[in-house]
Amino acid sequence: MKNFNEIKGKATTQRFVALNNFQTPTPIQEAVIPMALKGKDIIGISETGTGKTHAFLIPLMELIDSSKSMVQAVITAPTRELAQQIYKRARLMSEADPMLKIRCIVGGTERLKMNETLGTQPHLVIGTPGRIRDLF
């Protein structure tokens, strides 16, 4: 994949790529996205700032069906800060597909308040393992 135009997926995925102003994939994105779209298991290693987060968010955008009200993907991060950073990048997914529901579930937030926000099933959950386990 030499260009993001090669992704001939859903209109929402193409909107997500456009909202991020992506033109040419980084090496990690070029290697990971086609494999992820085929459902392959991947371990990717790359320096900070090389586009790893979008290397998995773009395929998730393509694979999540926002018409189904159920959790379809869970992203775990070892720290609250990293989970919030991923969530910040993922929020544009909801702009590309307004039906898509994304929740960030991390410690430092009142558990009762967080339970109330989960009244509607999110499609994508991003959070720390401990807090996700506590709530689900």
C-alpha atoms as a PDB file:
ATOM      1  CA  MET A   1       0.000   0.000   0.000  1.00  0.00           C
ATOM      2  CA  LYS A   2       1.789   3.106  -1.262  1.00  0.00           C
ATOM      3  CA  ASN A   3      -1.138   5.502  -0.928  1.00  0.00           C
ATOM      4  CA  PHE A   4      -4.211   5.759   1.294  1.00  0.00           C
ATOM      5  CA  ASN A   5      -6.360   5.922  -1.866  1.00  0.00           C
ATOM      6  CA  GLU A   6      -5.645   2.193  -2.243  1.00  0.00           C
ATOM      7  CA  ILE A   7      -7.994   1.505   0.679  1.00  0.00           C
ATOM      8  CA  LYS A   8     -11.230   0.891  -1.214  1.00  0.00           C
ATOM      9  CA  GLY A   9     -13.310   0.287   1.867  1.00  0.00           C
ATOM     10  CA  LYS A  10     -16.313   1.913   3.452  1.00  0.00           C
ATOM     11  CA  ALA A  11     -17.037   5.593   2.930  1.00  0.00           C
ATOM     12  CA  THR A  12     -16.628   6.132   6.683  1.00  0.00           C
ATOM     13  CA  THR A  13     -13.075   4.747   6.542  1.00  0.00           C
ATOM     14  CA  GLN A  14     -12.248   7.024   3.640  1.00  0.00           C
ATOM     15  CA  ARG A  15     -13.713   9.984   5.585  1.00  0.00           C
ATOM     16  CA  PHE A  16     -11.602   9.050   8.631  1.00  0.00           C
ATOM     17  CA  VAL A  17      -8.453   9.041   6.484  1.00  0.00           C
ATOM     18  CA  ALA A  18      -9.467  12.393   4.937  1.00  0.00           C
ATOM     19  CA  LEU A  19     -10.236  13.965   8.337  1.00  0.00           C
ATOM     20  CA  ASN A  20      -6.699  13.064   9.400  1.00  0.00           C
ATOM     21  CA  ASN A  21      -5.313  14.631   6.197  1.00  0.00           C
ATOM     22  CA  PHE A  22      -3.419  11.434   5.404  1.00  0.00           C
ATOM     23  CA  GLN A  23      -1.855  11.118   1.957  1.00  0.00           C
ATOM     24  CA  THR A  24       1.001   8.629   2.135  1.00  0.00           C
ATOM     25  CA  PRO A  25       1.234   5.903   4.791  1.00  0.00           C
ATOM     26  CA  THR A  26       4.234   5.695   7.064  1.00  0.00           C
ATOM     27  CA  PRO A  27       6.292   2.482   6.905  1.00  0.00           C
ATOM     28  CA  ILE A  28       4.471   0.949   9.911  1.00  0.00           C
ATOM     29  CA  GLN A  29       1.083   1.821   8.390  1.00  0.00           C
ATOM     30  CA  GLU A  30       2.122   0.461   4.996  1.00  0.00           C
ATOM     31  CA  ALA A  31       3.137  -2.834   6.606  1.00  0.00           C
ATOM     32  CA  VAL A  32       0.286  -3.225   9.102  1.00  0.00           C
ATOM     33  CA  ILE A  33      -2.925  -1.901   7.519  1.00  0.00           C
ATOM     34  CA  PRO A  34      -3.222  -4.420   4.640  1.00  0.00           C
ATOM     35  CA  MET A  35      -2.522  -7.339   7.002  1.00  0.00           C
ATOM     36  CA  ALA A  36      -5.008  -6.063   9.601  1.00  0.00           C
ATOM     37  CA  LEU A  37      -7.696  -5.657   6.947  1.00  0.00           C
ATOM     38  CA  LYS A  38      -7.208  -9.343   6.116  1.00  0.00           C
ATOM     39  CA  GLY A  39      -7.706 -10.280   9.786  1.00  0.00           C
ATOM     40  CA  LYS A  40      -4.088 -11.273  10.416  1.00  0.00           C
ATOM     41  CA  ASP A  41      -2.508 -11.166  13.858  1.00  0.00           C
ATOM     42  CA  ILE A  42       0.210  -8.527  13.948  1.00  0.00           C
ATOM     43  CA  ILE A  43       2.996  -7.392  16.214  1.00  0.00           C
ATOM     44  CA  GLY A  44       4.337  -4.046  15.053  1.00  0.00           C
ATOM     45  CA  ILE A  45       7.310  -2.201  16.459  1.00  0.00           C
ATOM     46  CA  SER A  46       8.096   1.370  15.498  1.00  0.00           C
ATOM     47  CA  GLU A  47       9.455   4.566  17.010  1.00  0.00           C
ATOM     48  CA  THR A  48       7.256   7.150  18.711  1.00  0.00           C
ATOM     49  CA  GLY A  49       5.476   9.439  16.258  1.00  0.00           C
ATOM     50  CA  THR A  50       5.526   7.046  13.292  1.00  0.00           C
ATOM     51  CA  GLY A  51       1.772   6.432  13.051  1.00  0.00           C
ATOM     52  CA  LYS A  52       1.328   3.213  15.015  1.00  0.00           C
ATOM     53  CA  THR A  53      -2.016   4.311  16.481  1.00  0.00           C
ATOM     54  CA  HIS A  54      -3.591   4.913  13.082  1.00  0.00           C
ATOM     55  CA  ALA A  55      -2.045   1.678  11.805  1.00  0.00           C
ATOM     56  CA  PHE A  56      -4.672  -0.106  13.934  1.00  0.00           C
ATOM     57  CA  LEU A  57      -7.416   2.550  14.051  1.00  0.00           C
ATOM     58  CA  ILE A  58      -7.851   2.649  10.267  1.00  0.00           C
ATOM     59  CA  PRO A  59      -8.500  -1.115  10.001  1.00  0.00           C
ATOM     60  CA  LEU A  60     -10.832  -0.943  13.020  1.00  0.00           C
ATOM     61  CA  MET A  61     -12.767   1.842  11.291  1.00  0.00           C
ATOM     62  CA  GLU A  62     -13.216  -0.483   8.335  1.00  0.00           C
ATOM     63  CA  LEU A  63     -14.162  -3.550  10.393  1.00  0.00           C
ATOM     64  CA  ILE A  64     -16.540  -2.093  13.010  1.00  0.00           C
ATOM     65  CA  ASP A  65     -20.224  -2.179  12.051  1.00  0.00           C
ATOM     66  CA  SER A  66     -21.836   0.803  13.787  1.00  0.00           C
ATOM     67  CA  SER A  67     -25.328  -0.523  13.029  1.00  0.00           C
ATOM     68  CA  LYS A  68     -24.756  -3.328  15.575  1.00  0.00           C
ATOM     69  CA  SER A  69     -25.101  -2.124  19.154  1.00  0.00           C
ATOM     70  CA  MET A  70     -22.335  -4.176  20.763  1.00  0.00           C
ATOM     71  CA  VAL A  71     -18.676  -3.962  21.682  1.00  0.00           C
ATOM     72  CA  GLN A  72     -16.698  -5.029  18.626  1.00  0.00           C
ATOM     73  CA  ALA A  73     -13.163  -4.007  19.586  1.00  0.00           C
ATOM     74  CA  VAL A  74     -11.224  -3.364  22.780  1.00  0.00           C
ATOM     75  CA  ILE A  75      -7.918  -1.509  22.870  1.00  0.00           C
ATOM     76  CA  THR A  76      -5.965  -1.833  26.092  1.00  0.00           C
ATOM     77  CA  ALA A  77      -3.118   0.443  27.057  1.00  0.00           C
ATOM     78  CA  PRO A  78      -0.784   0.020  30.041  1.00  0.00           C
ATOM     79  CA  THR A  79      -1.342   3.562  31.356  1.00  0.00           C
ATOM     80  CA  ARG A  80      -4.213   6.014  31.652  1.00  0.00           C
ATOM     81  CA  GLU A  81      -2.208   8.600  29.725  1.00  0.00           C
ATOM     82  CA  LEU A  82      -1.647   6.288  26.743  1.00  0.00           C
ATOM     83  CA  ALA A  83      -5.295   5.175  26.742  1.00  0.00           C
ATOM     84  CA  GLN A  84      -6.411   8.811  26.702  1.00  0.00           C
ATOM     85  CA  GLN A  85      -3.949   9.602  23.912  1.00  0.00           C
ATOM     86  CA  ILE A  86      -5.355   6.746  21.785  1.00  0.00           C
ATOM     87  CA  TYR A  87      -8.915   7.860  22.607  1.00  0.00           C
ATOM     88  CA  LYS A  88      -8.108  11.402  21.490  1.00  0.00           C
ATOM     89  CA  ARG A  89      -6.982  10.059  18.090  1.00  0.00           C
ATOM     90  CA  ALA A  90      -9.986   7.695  17.871  1.00  0.00           C
ATOM     91  CA  ARG A  91     -12.598  10.421  18.453  1.00  0.00           C
ATOM     92  CA  LEU A  92     -12.316  11.447  14.800  1.00  0.00           C
ATOM     93  CA  MET A  93     -13.751   8.017  14.007  1.00  0.00           C
ATOM     94  CA  SER A  94     -17.067   9.258  15.428  1.00  0.00           C
ATOM     95  CA  GLU A  95     -16.858  12.325  13.235  1.00  0.00           C
ATOM     96  CA  ALA A  96     -16.398  10.064  10.194  1.00  0.00           C
ATOM     97  CA  ASP A  97     -19.282   7.831  11.365  1.00  0.00           C
ATOM     98  CA  PRO A  98     -21.659   9.657  13.740  1.00  0.00           C
ATOM     99  CA  MET A  99     -23.313   6.345  14.722  1.00  0.00           C
ATOM    100  CA  LEU A 100     -20.005   4.989  16.052  1.00  0.00           C
ATOM    101  CA  LYS A 101     -19.753   5.026  19.853  1.00  0.00           C
ATOM    102  CA  ILE A 102     -16.332   5.043  21.501  1.00  0.00           C
ATOM    103  CA  ARG A 103     -15.665   4.988  25.260  1.00  0.00           C
ATOM    104  CA  CYS A 104     -12.468   5.612  27.198  1.00  0.00           C
ATOM    105  CA  ILE A 105     -12.391   3.589  30.403  1.00  0.00           C
ATOM    106  CA  VAL A 106      -9.527   4.424  32.745  1.00  0.00           C
ATOM    107  CA  GLY A 107      -8.873   4.827  36.438  1.00  0.00           C
ATOM    108  CA  GLY A 108      -9.112   8.239  38.056  1.00  0.00           C
ATOM    109  CA  THR A 109     -12.789   8.533  37.158  1.00  0.00           C
ATOM    110  CA  GLU A 110     -15.606   7.747  39.556  1.00  0.00           C
ATOM    111  CA  ARG A 111     -16.774   4.199  38.818  1.00  0.00           C
ATOM    112  CA  LEU A 112     -20.493   4.965  39.332  1.00  0.00           C
ATOM    113  CA  LYS A 113     -20.308   7.910  36.934  1.00  0.00           C
ATOM    114  CA  MET A 114     -18.504   5.739  34.389  1.00  0.00           C
ATOM    115  CA  ASN A 115     -21.140   2.992  34.702  1.00  0.00           C
ATOM    116  CA  GLU A 116     -23.831   5.543  33.834  1.00  0.00           C
ATOM    117  CA  THR A 117     -22.040   6.492  30.603  1.00  0.00           C
ATOM    118  CA  LEU A 118     -22.029   2.836  29.575  1.00  0.00           C
ATOM    119  CA  GLY A 119     -25.825   2.631  29.426  1.00  0.00           C
ATOM    120  CA  THR A 120     -25.472   2.372  25.665  1.00  0.00           C
ATOM    121  CA  GLN A 121     -23.072  -0.270  24.388  1.00  0.00           C
ATOM    122  CA  PRO A 122     -20.019   1.312  22.765  1.00  0.00           C
ATOM    123  CA  HIS A 123     -18.621  -0.207  19.572  1.00  0.00           C
ATOM    124  CA  LEU A 124     -15.025   0.511  20.591  1.00  0.00           C
ATOM    125  CA  VAL A 125     -13.634   0.496  24.124  1.00  0.00           C
ATOM    126  CA  ILE A 126     -10.247   2.032  24.886  1.00  0.00           C
ATOM    127  CA  GLY A 127      -8.818   1.804  28.369  1.00  0.00           C
ATOM    128  CA  THR A 128      -6.567   0.291  30.966  1.00  0.00           C
ATOM    129  CA  PRO A 129      -6.892  -3.434  31.692  1.00  0.00           C
ATOM    130  CA  GLY A 130      -7.792  -3.027  35.370  1.00  0.00           C
ATOM    131  CA  ARG A 131     -10.611  -0.546  34.846  1.00  0.00           C
ATOM    132  CA  ILE A 132     -12.004  -2.415  31.858  1.00  0.00           C
ATOM    133  CA  ARG A 133     -12.045  -5.600  33.953  1.00  0.00           C
ATOM    134  CA  ASP A 134     -13.766  -3.749  36.826  1.00  0.00           C
ATOM    135  CA  LEU A 135     -16.589  -2.499  34.608  1.00  0.00           C
ATOM    136  CA  PHE A 136     -17.170  -5.530  32.445  1.00  0.00           C
END
